[in-house]
């Protein structure tokens, strides 16, 4: 199995773009998609991956994960952006899908991972297959989902919560405020919204991340492109980061809000300002407007 997992890029011809399938899940007109090389199974299975080992989840160039809405796995967040994706076997019957660089998107020290169980599948696959499905009914605008990885007779299933959103038009762009569960917001760095400047984000796209009394606008992560996607994960450019404040609004929590609800938002005089409620709390967020990005994600 190790020989299969670590197969050199030089020993296999590159797949054409059409041969790299996308495993896509859509919710409220936003999508998350995993693009991977569909390596044949042969006589191997997912269960052969050694405990503690990491698989690049496919063949040829690195597999990538485009995330269009925040995903919540347990209490770990994967913010919108693009990441390299790998698979890590964590136990005899357990594994995790890891979004490489997702920690940098939240100024965290560890990348987020979706934990799940490895089990025997009902039907054996002839190649690597990655699929998404709904996992029960939606609630408060959010949809539980499963991502499934099958390789031979074994499969792995990982649960996530795909967040819905409400769009707010602002001067020079738009803000998507996500339905973040109220009980999650005070538990660390949380991606609560996406700010897009220009038409369709052509001047840049940022995640609004709340962490206690600090608010940050962080440019979307991009998956590495060097060395067939196996190069170093590059953090967001410091010049494009913007940091501001989160201030409680006293005496304004009579009606409980089960998810983060933006009551007012504007981009004016060089600041993004919004008022939001969650649970029985209300807050005001003020963050300096970030610099525009060029097509390479650098400042203009």
Protein backbone atom coordinates (compact mmCIF):
# COMPACT_ATOMS: atom_id res chain seq x y z
CA UNK A 1 0.00 0.00 0.00
CA UNK A 2 2.83 2.38 0.83
CA UNK A 3 4.24 1.92 -2.69
CA UNK A 4 0.84 2.86 -4.07
CA UNK A 5 0.40 5.86 -1.80
CA UNK A 6 3.86 7.28 -2.44
CA UNK A 7 3.95 6.51 -6.17
CA UNK A 8 6.23 9.01 -7.86
CA UNK A 9 4.70 11.64 -10.10
CA UNK A 10 7.31 10.74 -12.69
CA UNK A 11 6.04 7.14 -13.01
CA UNK A 12 2.47 7.92 -14.04
CA UNK A 13 1.34 10.07 -16.97
CA UNK A 14 -0.61 13.16 -15.89
CA UNK A 15 -4.39 12.90 -16.05
CA UNK A 16 -6.25 15.27 -18.30
CA UNK A 17 -8.45 17.81 -16.43
CA UNK A 18 -11.58 15.87 -17.43
CA UNK A 19 -10.17 12.77 -15.79
CA UNK A 20 -9.92 14.40 -12.37
CA UNK A 21 -13.43 14.09 -10.92
CA UNK A 22 -15.02 16.67 -8.65
CA UNK A 23 -16.92 15.49 -5.58
CA UNK A 24 -19.31 18.40 -5.08
CA UNK A 25 -21.90 19.27 -2.45
CA UNK A 26 -24.22 22.26 -2.87
CA UNK A 27 -26.23 24.12 -0.27
CA UNK A 28 -28.11 27.39 -0.80
CA UNK A 29 -26.32 28.01 -4.12
CA UNK A 30 -22.89 27.63 -2.51
CA UNK A 31 -20.73 24.59 -3.07
CA UNK A 32 -17.79 22.65 -1.69
CA UNK A 33 -15.81 20.47 -4.12
CA UNK A 34 -12.94 17.99 -3.75
CA UNK A 35 -10.93 17.44 -6.94
CA UNK A 36 -8.79 14.31 -6.96
CA UNK A 37 -7.04 11.75 -9.17
CA UNK A 38 -9.18 8.61 -9.34
CA UNK A 39 -6.44 6.03 -8.79
CA UNK A 40 -7.38 2.38 -9.60
CA UNK A 41 -7.73 0.07 -6.61
CA UNK A 42 -5.99 -3.07 -7.87
CA UNK A 43 -5.62 -5.41 -4.89
CA UNK A 44 -5.46 -2.61 -2.32
CA UNK A 45 -7.89 -1.04 0.15
CA UNK A 46 -8.17 1.98 2.38
CA UNK A 47 -7.61 -0.26 5.42
CA UNK A 48 -4.01 -0.93 4.32
CA UNK A 49 -2.92 2.63 5.12
CA UNK A 50 -0.77 2.41 8.23
CA UNK A 51 -1.99 4.04 11.43
CA UNK A 52 -0.35 7.46 11.65
CA UNK A 53 0.35 7.62 7.90
CA UNK A 54 -0.96 10.26 5.50
CA UNK A 55 -2.29 9.69 1.98
CA UNK A 56 -2.49 12.39 -0.66
CA UNK A 57 -5.99 11.10 -1.51
CA UNK A 58 -5.46 10.28 -5.17
CA UNK A 59 -2.70 10.19 -7.76
CA UNK A 60 -0.72 12.60 -9.92
CA UNK A 61 -0.93 16.22 -8.68
CA UNK A 62 -2.21 17.01 -5.20
CA UNK A 63 -5.93 16.77 -4.52
CA UNK A 64 -7.59 20.11 -3.77
CA UNK A 65 -10.64 21.23 -1.85
CA UNK A 66 -12.63 24.32 -2.78
CA UNK A 67 -14.83 25.44 0.11
CA UNK A 68 -17.59 27.95 -0.62
CA UNK A 69 -19.19 28.03 2.82
CA UNK A 70 -17.87 27.39 6.35
CA UNK A 71 -17.85 23.72 7.29
CA UNK A 72 -18.11 22.70 10.95
CA UNK A 73 -16.65 19.31 11.88
CA UNK A 74 -17.27 18.69 15.57
CA UNK A 75 -15.92 21.99 16.87
CA UNK A 76 -13.33 22.51 14.13
CA UNK A 77 -13.86 25.04 11.36
CA UNK A 78 -12.87 24.97 7.70
CA UNK A 79 -13.25 28.53 6.41
CA UNK A 80 -14.17 29.31 2.78
CA UNK A 81 -11.16 29.17 0.45
CA UNK A 82 -9.08 26.59 -1.39
CA UNK A 83 -6.88 23.97 0.27
CA UNK A 84 -4.79 20.94 -0.50
CA UNK A 85 -6.57 17.94 0.98
CA UNK A 86 -5.01 14.79 2.47
CA UNK A 87 -6.22 11.75 4.38
CA UNK A 88 -4.71 10.71 7.72
CA UNK A 89 -5.31 7.35 9.36
CA UNK A 90 -5.72 8.01 13.07
CA UNK A 91 -6.65 4.57 14.42
CA UNK A 92 -7.59 0.98 13.64
CA UNK A 93 -11.07 1.99 12.51
CA UNK A 94 -10.67 5.76 12.27
CA UNK A 95 -9.31 8.37 9.89
CA UNK A 96 -9.54 12.06 9.13
CA UNK A 97 -9.69 14.25 6.05
CA UNK A 98 -7.38 17.24 6.53
CA UNK A 99 -7.58 20.65 4.83
CA UNK A 100 -3.90 21.65 4.65
CA UNK A 101 -3.61 25.35 5.48
CA UNK A 102 -7.02 25.70 7.11
CA UNK A 103 -5.34 26.64 10.39
CA UNK A 104 -3.66 29.60 8.68
CA UNK A 105 -7.06 30.81 7.48
CA UNK A 106 -8.07 31.31 11.13
CA UNK A 107 -4.67 32.25 12.59
CA UNK A 108 -4.75 28.87 14.38
CA UNK A 109 -1.85 26.52 15.05
CA UNK A 110 -3.49 23.33 13.74
CA UNK A 111 -5.25 22.50 10.51
CA UNK A 112 -8.88 21.45 10.71
CA UNK A 113 -9.80 17.84 10.08
CA UNK A 114 -12.99 15.89 9.59
CA UNK A 115 -12.87 12.78 11.78
CA UNK A 116 -14.77 9.64 10.78
CA UNK A 117 -14.91 5.86 10.85
CA UNK A 118 -13.32 3.35 8.47
CA UNK A 119 -15.59 0.40 7.77
CA UNK A 120 -16.33 -2.34 5.25
CA UNK A 121 -18.50 -1.04 2.39
CA UNK A 122 -21.53 -2.84 1.01
CA UNK A 123 -20.00 -2.95 -2.47
CA UNK A 124 -16.35 -2.89 -3.51
CA UNK A 125 -15.13 0.00 -5.67
CA UNK A 126 -12.72 -0.43 -8.58
CA UNK A 127 -11.11 2.98 -8.08
CA UNK A 128 -10.92 5.76 -5.53
CA UNK A 129 -14.35 7.38 -5.14
CA UNK A 130 -15.15 10.51 -3.14
CA UNK A 131 -18.80 11.46 -2.72
CA UNK A 132 -21.05 13.79 -0.72
CA UNK A 133 -24.57 13.29 0.60
CA UNK A 134 -27.04 14.96 2.94
CA UNK A 135 -27.07 13.55 6.46
CA UNK A 136 -30.53 14.34 7.79
CA UNK A 137 -32.78 17.38 7.70
CA UNK A 138 -31.58 20.98 7.62
CA UNK A 139 -32.06 23.13 10.73
CA UNK A 140 -31.70 26.91 11.26
CA UNK A 141 -30.57 27.21 7.65
CA UNK A 142 -27.69 24.71 7.97
CA UNK A 143 -27.40 21.26 6.37
CA UNK A 144 -25.69 18.20 7.93
CA UNK A 145 -23.68 16.32 5.30
CA UNK A 146 -21.41 13.31 4.89
CA UNK A 147 -18.25 13.10 2.82
CA UNK A 148 -17.47 9.49 1.88
CA UNK A 149 -14.14 8.11 0.67
CA UNK A 150 -14.19 4.57 -0.74
CA UNK A 151 -11.15 2.65 -1.93
CA UNK A 152 -11.73 -1.03 -2.62
CA UNK A 153 -13.86 -2.89 -0.06
CA UNK A 154 -13.48 -0.25 2.66
CA UNK A 155 -14.84 3.26 3.04
CA UNK A 156 -14.51 6.21 5.39
CA UNK A 157 -17.43 8.48 6.33
CA UNK A 158 -16.96 11.94 7.84
CA UNK A 159 -19.80 14.19 9.09
CA UNK A 160 -19.83 17.98 8.67
CA UNK A 161 -22.31 20.84 8.96
CA UNK A 162 -22.55 23.02 5.82
CA UNK A 163 -23.62 26.53 6.75
CA UNK A 164 -26.28 28.54 4.99
CA UNK A 165 -26.08 32.30 4.56
CA UNK A 166 -27.81 35.60 3.94
CA UNK A 167 -26.46 38.03 1.36
CA UNK A 168 -26.04 41.73 2.16
CA UNK A 169 -25.18 44.22 -0.60
CA UNK A 170 -22.73 46.91 0.45
CA UNK A 171 -20.93 49.74 -1.31
CA UNK A 172 -18.46 48.22 -3.76
CA UNK A 173 -19.28 44.59 -3.05
CA UNK A 174 -21.26 42.19 -0.90
CA UNK A 175 -21.13 40.37 2.41
CA UNK A 176 -22.37 36.82 2.96
CA UNK A 177 -23.28 36.38 6.63
CA UNK A 178 -23.27 32.69 7.54
CA UNK A 179 -25.72 31.00 9.92
CA UNK A 180 -23.12 30.23 12.59
CA UNK A 181 -24.69 28.38 15.55
CA UNK A 182 -24.84 30.78 18.49
CA UNK A 183 -23.17 28.32 20.89
CA UNK A 184 -20.06 28.15 18.68
CA UNK A 185 -19.21 31.82 18.41
CA UNK A 186 -17.44 32.29 21.74
CA UNK A 187 -15.32 29.11 21.37
CA UNK A 188 -12.34 30.59 19.51
CA UNK A 189 -11.66 31.83 15.98
CA UNK A 190 -14.87 31.47 13.95
CA UNK A 191 -15.46 32.40 10.27
CA UNK A 192 -18.79 34.24 10.36
CA UNK A 193 -18.95 35.99 6.98
CA UNK A 194 -17.27 36.49 3.61
CA UNK A 195 -16.54 39.95 2.20
CA UNK A 196 -16.21 40.22 -1.59
CA UNK A 197 -15.07 43.50 -3.16
CA UNK A 198 -15.75 44.49 -6.75
CA UNK A 199 -17.78 42.48 -9.24
CA UNK A 200 -17.80 38.79 -8.25
CA UNK A 201 -14.88 39.41 -5.90
CA UNK A 202 -12.47 40.60 -8.61
CA UNK A 203 -10.93 43.01 -6.07
CA UNK A 204 -10.53 40.32 -3.43
CA UNK A 205 -12.41 38.01 -1.07
CA UNK A 206 -11.90 37.81 2.68
CA UNK A 207 -13.26 35.79 5.58
CA UNK A 208 -14.48 37.77 8.57
CA UNK A 209 -13.14 35.86 11.56
CA UNK A 210 -14.27 36.64 15.12
CA UNK A 211 -12.12 35.63 18.09
CA UNK A 212 -13.23 37.12 21.40
CA UNK A 213 -12.85 40.90 21.20
CA UNK A 214 -10.85 40.72 17.95
CA UNK A 215 -12.21 40.73 14.41
CA UNK A 216 -10.02 39.97 11.37
CA UNK A 217 -10.54 40.11 7.63
CA UNK A 218 -8.37 37.29 6.24
CA UNK A 219 -7.88 36.72 2.48
CA UNK A 220 -9.11 33.37 1.24
CA UNK A 221 -6.44 30.69 1.30
CA UNK A 222 -5.18 29.25 -1.99
CA UNK A 223 -3.93 25.69 -2.49
CA UNK A 224 -0.20 25.36 -3.33
CA UNK A 225 0.70 25.11 -7.00
CA UNK A 226 4.47 24.49 -6.74
CA UNK A 227 5.75 20.91 -7.14
CA UNK A 228 2.45 19.65 -8.56
CA UNK A 229 0.61 21.06 -5.55
CA UNK A 230 2.91 19.47 -2.96
CA UNK A 231 4.84 22.68 -2.30
CA UNK A 232 4.75 24.79 0.83
CA UNK A 233 1.40 26.11 2.03
CA UNK A 234 1.67 29.91 1.91
CA UNK A 235 -0.12 31.97 4.58
CA UNK A 236 -2.25 34.98 3.60
CA UNK A 237 -0.21 38.08 2.75
CA UNK A 238 0.21 40.21 5.88
CA UNK A 239 -0.41 43.39 3.86
CA UNK A 240 -3.90 42.17 2.99
CA UNK A 241 -4.92 41.29 6.54
CA UNK A 242 -7.05 43.73 8.50
CA UNK A 243 -7.71 43.65 12.24
CA UNK A 244 -10.44 45.39 14.21
CA UNK A 245 -12.64 45.04 17.26
CA UNK A 246 -15.73 43.23 18.55
CA UNK A 247 -17.69 45.27 21.11
CA UNK A 248 -20.69 43.99 23.12
CA UNK A 249 -23.90 46.02 22.89
CA UNK A 250 -25.49 46.10 26.31
CA UNK A 251 -29.21 45.61 26.94
CA UNK A 252 -30.08 44.37 23.46
CA UNK A 253 -30.65 40.63 23.86
CA UNK A 254 -34.32 40.18 24.66
CA UNK A 255 -34.97 37.88 21.68
CA UNK A 256 -32.74 34.81 21.39
CA UNK A 257 -31.07 34.25 18.02
CA UNK A 258 -30.14 30.57 17.41
CA UNK A 259 -27.59 31.56 14.74
CA UNK A 260 -25.56 34.68 14.06
CA UNK A 261 -27.92 37.27 12.58
CA UNK A 262 -26.56 40.44 10.95
CA UNK A 263 -28.89 43.36 11.62
CA UNK A 264 -26.92 46.07 9.85
CA UNK A 265 -23.77 46.17 7.73
CA UNK A 266 -22.01 48.84 5.71
CA UNK A 267 -18.64 49.53 4.12
CA UNK A 268 -18.06 53.25 4.46
CA UNK A 269 -15.21 55.67 5.15
CA UNK A 270 -12.63 52.93 4.98
CA UNK A 271 -14.32 50.64 7.54
CA UNK A 272 -16.49 47.55 7.53
CA UNK A 273 -19.06 47.99 10.28
CA UNK A 274 -21.75 45.53 11.24
CA UNK A 275 -24.15 44.89 14.08
CA UNK A 276 -25.10 41.29 14.76
CA UNK A 277 -26.89 39.15 17.35
CA UNK A 278 -26.41 35.57 18.51
CA UNK A 279 -28.04 33.82 21.44
CA UNK A 280 -29.02 36.69 23.72
CA UNK A 281 -25.96 38.76 22.86
CA UNK A 282 -25.49 41.62 20.43
CA UNK A 283 -22.17 42.92 19.12
CA UNK A 284 -20.73 45.65 16.95
CA UNK A 285 -17.83 44.72 14.66
CA UNK A 286 -15.54 47.38 13.20
CA UNK A 287 -12.67 46.42 10.88
CA UNK A 288 -10.59 48.68 8.60
CA UNK A 289 -11.26 48.07 4.92
CA UNK A 290 -8.52 45.82 3.49
CA UNK A 291 -6.48 46.66 0.40
CA UNK A 292 -7.71 45.43 -2.95
CA UNK A 293 -6.11 42.24 -4.27
CA UNK A 294 -4.84 41.52 -7.77
CA UNK A 295 -5.46 38.22 -9.57
CA UNK A 296 -2.46 36.69 -7.76
CA UNK A 297 -3.81 37.55 -4.34
CA UNK A 298 -1.37 40.41 -3.81
CA UNK A 299 -2.12 44.01 -2.87
CA UNK A 300 -2.75 46.62 -5.53
